[in-house]
């Protein structure tokens, strides 16, 4: 993902992004987000209490 982002950044600096790079990055990001939704978040919810989840939900937020 990082390599594709670097490639895209270089392409944009040169004035045009290759559609294949955009498609590849899009697919990879979608796959990653779906993995987080199906695997990572349910695991975190099982391991942390409601109070711990709520504490972490506001970490780094400026509007809280």
Protein backbone atom coordinates (compact mmCIF):
# COMPACT_ATOMS: atom_id res chain seq x y z
CA UNK A 1 0.00 0.00 0.00
CA UNK A 2 2.82 2.38 0.89
CA UNK A 3 4.65 1.59 -2.33
CA UNK A 4 1.54 2.28 -4.39
CA UNK A 5 0.97 5.55 -2.54
CA UNK A 6 4.57 6.59 -3.28
CA UNK A 7 4.12 5.66 -6.93
CA UNK A 8 0.92 7.67 -7.12
CA UNK A 9 2.58 10.64 -5.44
CA UNK A 10 5.39 10.55 -8.03
CA UNK A 11 2.91 10.26 -10.87
CA UNK A 12 0.90 13.21 -9.59
CA UNK A 13 4.08 15.27 -9.22
CA UNK A 14 4.80 14.49 -12.87
CA UNK A 15 1.34 15.73 -13.81
CA UNK A 16 -0.74 12.60 -14.37
CA UNK A 17 -1.76 9.50 -12.44
CA UNK A 18 -1.83 6.15 -14.19
CA UNK A 19 -5.35 4.68 -13.97
CA UNK A 20 -3.88 1.25 -13.22
CA UNK A 21 -2.12 2.64 -10.15
CA UNK A 22 -5.37 4.20 -8.95
CA UNK A 23 -7.27 0.96 -9.49
CA UNK A 24 -4.64 -1.13 -7.69
CA UNK A 25 -4.53 1.26 -4.74
CA UNK A 26 -8.32 1.39 -4.57
CA UNK A 27 -8.60 -2.41 -4.51
CA UNK A 28 -5.92 -2.73 -1.86
CA UNK A 29 -7.50 -0.07 0.36
CA UNK A 30 -10.93 -1.67 0.01
CA UNK A 31 -9.53 -5.07 0.97
CA UNK A 32 -7.73 -3.56 3.96
CA UNK A 33 -10.82 -1.72 5.23
CA UNK A 34 -12.98 -4.84 4.85
CA UNK A 35 -10.39 -6.86 6.84
CA UNK A 36 -10.48 -4.26 9.61
CA UNK A 37 -14.30 -4.42 9.67
CA UNK A 38 -14.50 -8.23 9.66
CA UNK A 39 -11.46 -9.21 11.71
CA UNK A 40 -9.74 -6.43 13.63
CA UNK A 41 -12.64 -4.45 15.07
CA UNK A 42 -14.55 -7.52 16.35
CA UNK A 43 -11.34 -8.70 18.05
CA UNK A 44 -10.83 -5.32 19.73
CA UNK A 45 -14.46 -5.30 20.85
CA UNK A 46 -14.02 -8.75 22.42
CA UNK A 47 -10.79 -7.83 24.20
CA UNK A 48 -11.70 -4.40 25.61
CA UNK A 49 -14.47 -3.41 27.99
CA UNK A 50 -17.06 -0.84 26.97
CA UNK A 51 -15.31 1.72 29.17
CA UNK A 52 -11.94 1.05 27.50
CA UNK A 53 -13.51 1.33 24.06
CA UNK A 54 -15.08 4.67 24.97
CA UNK A 55 -11.78 5.99 26.36
CA UNK A 56 -9.94 5.05 23.18
CA UNK A 57 -12.67 6.48 20.95
CA UNK A 58 -11.70 9.99 22.01
CA UNK A 59 -7.90 9.64 21.92
CA UNK A 60 -6.46 12.19 19.54
CA UNK A 61 -9.77 13.93 18.88
CA UNK A 62 -9.70 17.70 19.22
CA UNK A 63 -13.44 18.18 19.50
CA UNK A 64 -13.84 16.23 22.74
